């Protein structure tokens, strides 16, 4: 599994990169590669040992073409503090939907483990 900082997706009512309208019901995540869309991931919160399964329905956080991280052994580009467009990042490598945020009992933007199923 890959351990990265996670953030909360938010954006209820807005569309994701896949066209899904964000709600509080569907367990999904965002990873920074368009090639990850519609793949399933297993998530683990090391702080409390809770796990969840989600589908990738959005691209992000921050970058859109970070295949070296998503499919390789590289760290997320967002960890450098800048994204591909020069924006300052919060270092997150994955965004969690409201459903996943609560399933994993996240208290803040902390680390989680993830892997493709």
C-alpha atoms as a PDB file:
ATOM      1  CA  UNK A   1       0.000   0.000   0.000  1.00  0.00           C
ATOM      2  CA  UNK A   2       1.048   3.587  -0.575  1.00  0.00           C
ATOM      3  CA  UNK A   3       0.889   6.010   2.364  1.00  0.00           C
ATOM      4  CA  UNK A   4       0.037   9.614   1.497  1.00  0.00           C
ATOM      5  CA  UNK A   5      -1.637  12.656   2.989  1.00  0.00           C
ATOM      6  CA  UNK A   6      -5.373  12.654   2.329  1.00  0.00           C
ATOM      7  CA  UNK A   7      -7.767  15.564   2.048  1.00  0.00           C
ATOM      8  CA  UNK A   8     -11.529  15.847   1.945  1.00  0.00           C
ATOM      9  CA  UNK A   9     -13.069  16.218  -1.518  1.00  0.00           C
ATOM     10  CA  UNK A  10     -16.014  18.407  -0.507  1.00  0.00           C
ATOM     11  CA  UNK A  11     -17.607  20.120  -3.532  1.00  0.00           C
ATOM     12  CA  UNK A  12     -21.084  18.665  -2.882  1.00  0.00           C
ATOM     13  CA  UNK A  13     -23.225  19.228  -5.981  1.00  0.00           C
ATOM     14  CA  UNK A  14     -20.316  19.823  -8.361  1.00  0.00           C
ATOM     15  CA  UNK A  15     -19.256  17.428 -11.135  1.00  0.00           C
ATOM     16  CA  UNK A  16     -16.108  15.350 -10.964  1.00  0.00           C
ATOM     17  CA  UNK A  17     -13.802  14.624 -13.901  1.00  0.00           C
ATOM     18  CA  UNK A  18     -15.869  11.493 -14.610  1.00  0.00           C
ATOM     19  CA  UNK A  19     -19.122  13.472 -14.719  1.00  0.00           C
ATOM     20  CA  UNK A  20     -20.358  12.207 -11.367  1.00  0.00           C
ATOM     21  CA  UNK A  21     -22.215  14.803  -9.270  1.00  0.00           C
ATOM     22  CA  UNK A  22     -20.655  14.781  -5.793  1.00  0.00           C
ATOM     23  CA  UNK A  23     -22.920  13.727  -2.919  1.00  0.00           C
ATOM     24  CA  UNK A  24     -22.480  12.308   0.579  1.00  0.00           C
ATOM     25  CA  UNK A  25     -23.496   8.752  -0.359  1.00  0.00           C
ATOM     26  CA  UNK A  26     -21.101   7.251  -2.919  1.00  0.00           C
ATOM     27  CA  UNK A  27     -17.698   6.044  -1.671  1.00  0.00           C
ATOM     28  CA  UNK A  28     -15.185   7.535  -4.102  1.00  0.00           C
ATOM     29  CA  UNK A  29     -11.737   9.087  -4.225  1.00  0.00           C
ATOM     30  CA  UNK A  30      -9.702  11.295  -6.523  1.00  0.00           C
ATOM     31  CA  UNK A  31      -6.244  10.306  -7.709  1.00  0.00           C
ATOM     32  CA  UNK A  32      -4.041  12.530  -9.914  1.00  0.00           C
ATOM     33  CA  UNK A  33      -4.227  10.494 -13.125  1.00  0.00           C
ATOM     34  CA  UNK A  34      -6.973  10.314 -15.731  1.00  0.00           C
ATOM     35  CA  UNK A  35      -5.962   6.673 -16.240  1.00  0.00           C
ATOM     36  CA  UNK A  36      -7.125   5.789 -12.719  1.00  0.00           C
ATOM     37  CA  UNK A  37     -10.770   6.731 -13.352  1.00  0.00           C
ATOM     38  CA  UNK A  38     -13.276   3.953 -12.576  1.00  0.00           C
ATOM     39  CA  UNK A  39     -10.675   1.715 -10.902  1.00  0.00           C
ATOM     40  CA  UNK A  40     -11.311   0.472  -7.368  1.00  0.00           C
ATOM     41  CA  UNK A  41      -9.035   1.094  -4.396  1.00  0.00           C
ATOM     42  CA  UNK A  42      -8.689  -0.254  -0.879  1.00  0.00           C
ATOM     43  CA  UNK A  43      -8.068   2.393   1.785  1.00  0.00           C
ATOM     44  CA  UNK A  44      -6.706   2.070   5.307  1.00  0.00           C
ATOM     45  CA  UNK A  45      -6.492   4.662   8.069  1.00  0.00           C
ATOM     46  CA  UNK A  46      -3.378   3.746  10.085  1.00  0.00           C
ATOM     47  CA  UNK A  47      -4.490   5.964  12.976  1.00  0.00           C
ATOM     48  CA  UNK A  48      -7.501   3.771  13.801  1.00  0.00           C
ATOM     49  CA  UNK A  49      -7.132   0.667  11.560  1.00  0.00           C
ATOM     50  CA  UNK A  50     -10.422   1.364   9.712  1.00  0.00           C
ATOM     51  CA  UNK A  51     -10.647   0.270   6.070  1.00  0.00           C
ATOM     52  CA  UNK A  52     -12.896   1.039   3.103  1.00  0.00           C
ATOM     53  CA  UNK A  53     -13.299   0.330  -0.607  1.00  0.00           C
ATOM     54  CA  UNK A  54     -13.903   3.140  -3.101  1.00  0.00           C
ATOM     55  CA  UNK A  55     -14.014   3.857  -6.812  1.00  0.00           C
ATOM     56  CA  UNK A  56     -11.912   6.572  -8.452  1.00  0.00           C
ATOM     57  CA  UNK A  57     -14.417   9.099  -9.826  1.00  0.00           C
ATOM     58  CA  UNK A  58     -12.283  12.242  -9.895  1.00  0.00           C
ATOM     59  CA  UNK A  59      -8.829  13.403 -10.922  1.00  0.00           C
ATOM     60  CA  UNK A  60      -6.727  15.202  -8.339  1.00  0.00           C
ATOM     61  CA  UNK A  61      -5.797  16.501  -5.929  1.00  0.00           C
ATOM     62  CA  UNK A  62      -3.819  19.221  -7.637  1.00  0.00           C
ATOM     63  CA  UNK A  63      -2.351  17.370 -10.608  1.00  0.00           C
ATOM     64  CA  UNK A  64      -3.975  15.470 -13.454  1.00  0.00           C
ATOM     65  CA  UNK A  65      -1.104  13.520 -15.012  1.00  0.00           C
ATOM     66  CA  UNK A  66       0.917  12.139 -12.098  1.00  0.00           C
ATOM     67  CA  UNK A  67       1.094   8.592 -13.482  1.00  0.00           C
ATOM     68  CA  UNK A  68       4.544   8.008 -11.961  1.00  0.00           C
ATOM     69  CA  UNK A  69       2.940   8.281  -8.525  1.00  0.00           C
ATOM     70  CA  UNK A  70      -0.413   6.598  -9.198  1.00  0.00           C
ATOM     71  CA  UNK A  71       0.969   3.639 -11.171  1.00  0.00           C
ATOM     72  CA  UNK A  72       4.646   3.650 -10.208  1.00  0.00           C
ATOM     73  CA  UNK A  73       6.877   4.059  -7.212  1.00  0.00           C
ATOM     74  CA  UNK A  74       7.183   7.871  -7.248  1.00  0.00           C
ATOM     75  CA  UNK A  75       5.849  10.132  -4.528  1.00  0.00           C
ATOM     76  CA  UNK A  76       2.970  12.505  -5.411  1.00  0.00           C
ATOM     77  CA  UNK A  77       4.156  15.651  -7.201  1.00  0.00           C
ATOM     78  CA  UNK A  78       1.894  17.646  -4.858  1.00  0.00           C
ATOM     79  CA  UNK A  79       4.248  16.788  -1.979  1.00  0.00           C
ATOM     80  CA  UNK A  80       6.780  19.224  -3.454  1.00  0.00           C
ATOM     81  CA  UNK A  81       4.491  22.090  -2.454  1.00  0.00           C
ATOM     82  CA  UNK A  82       3.682  23.127  -6.047  1.00  0.00           C
ATOM     83  CA  UNK A  83       1.460  21.541  -8.679  1.00  0.00           C
ATOM     84  CA  UNK A  84       2.035  21.347 -12.432  1.00  0.00           C
ATOM     85  CA  UNK A  85       0.475  24.818 -12.830  1.00  0.00           C
ATOM     86  CA  UNK A  86       2.607  26.417 -10.114  1.00  0.00           C
ATOM     87  CA  UNK A  87      -0.131  26.583  -7.481  1.00  0.00           C
ATOM     88  CA  UNK A  88       0.827  26.027  -3.842  1.00  0.00           C
ATOM     89  CA  UNK A  89      -0.446  22.620  -2.672  1.00  0.00           C
ATOM     90  CA  UNK A  90      -1.223  21.138   0.710  1.00  0.00           C
ATOM     91  CA  UNK A  91       0.894  18.077  -0.153  1.00  0.00           C
ATOM     92  CA  UNK A  92      -2.044  15.679  -0.511  1.00  0.00           C
ATOM     93  CA  UNK A  93      -1.825  12.631  -2.746  1.00  0.00           C
ATOM     94  CA  UNK A  94      -5.497  11.605  -2.592  1.00  0.00           C
ATOM     95  CA  UNK A  95      -8.897  13.236  -2.069  1.00  0.00           C
ATOM     96  CA  UNK A  96     -11.585  11.364  -0.126  1.00  0.00           C
ATOM     97  CA  UNK A  97     -15.330  11.704  -0.637  1.00  0.00           C
ATOM     98  CA  UNK A  98     -17.559  12.552   2.319  1.00  0.00           C
ATOM     99  CA  UNK A  99     -18.636   8.893   2.535  1.00  0.00           C
ATOM    100  CA  UNK A 100     -15.039   7.621   2.699  1.00  0.00           C
ATOM    101  CA  UNK A 101     -13.974  10.438   5.053  1.00  0.00           C
ATOM    102  CA  UNK A 102     -16.575   9.259   7.567  1.00  0.00           C
ATOM    103  CA  UNK A 103     -16.036   5.510   6.960  1.00  0.00           C
ATOM    104  CA  UNK A 104     -12.351   5.952   7.782  1.00  0.00           C
ATOM    105  CA  UNK A 105     -13.225   8.241  10.727  1.00  0.00           C
ATOM    106  CA  UNK A 106     -10.818  10.906   9.514  1.00  0.00           C
ATOM    107  CA  UNK A 107     -10.312  13.756  11.965  1.00  0.00           C
ATOM    108  CA  UNK A 108      -8.089  15.928   9.772  1.00  0.00           C
ATOM    109  CA  UNK A 109      -5.958  15.914   6.631  1.00  0.00           C
ATOM    110  CA  UNK A 110      -3.737  13.067   7.774  1.00  0.00           C
ATOM    111  CA  UNK A 111      -2.114  10.034   6.189  1.00  0.00           C
ATOM    112  CA  UNK A 112      -3.908   7.034   4.746  1.00  0.00           C
ATOM    113  CA  UNK A 113      -2.758   3.940   2.879  1.00  0.00           C
ATOM    114  CA  UNK A 114      -4.238   3.029  -0.492  1.00  0.00           C
ATOM    115  CA  UNK A 115      -3.829   0.408  -3.212  1.00  0.00           C
ATOM    116  CA  UNK A 116      -5.656  -0.688  -6.343  1.00  0.00           C
ATOM    117  CA  UNK A 117      -7.807  -3.815  -6.048  1.00  0.00           C
END
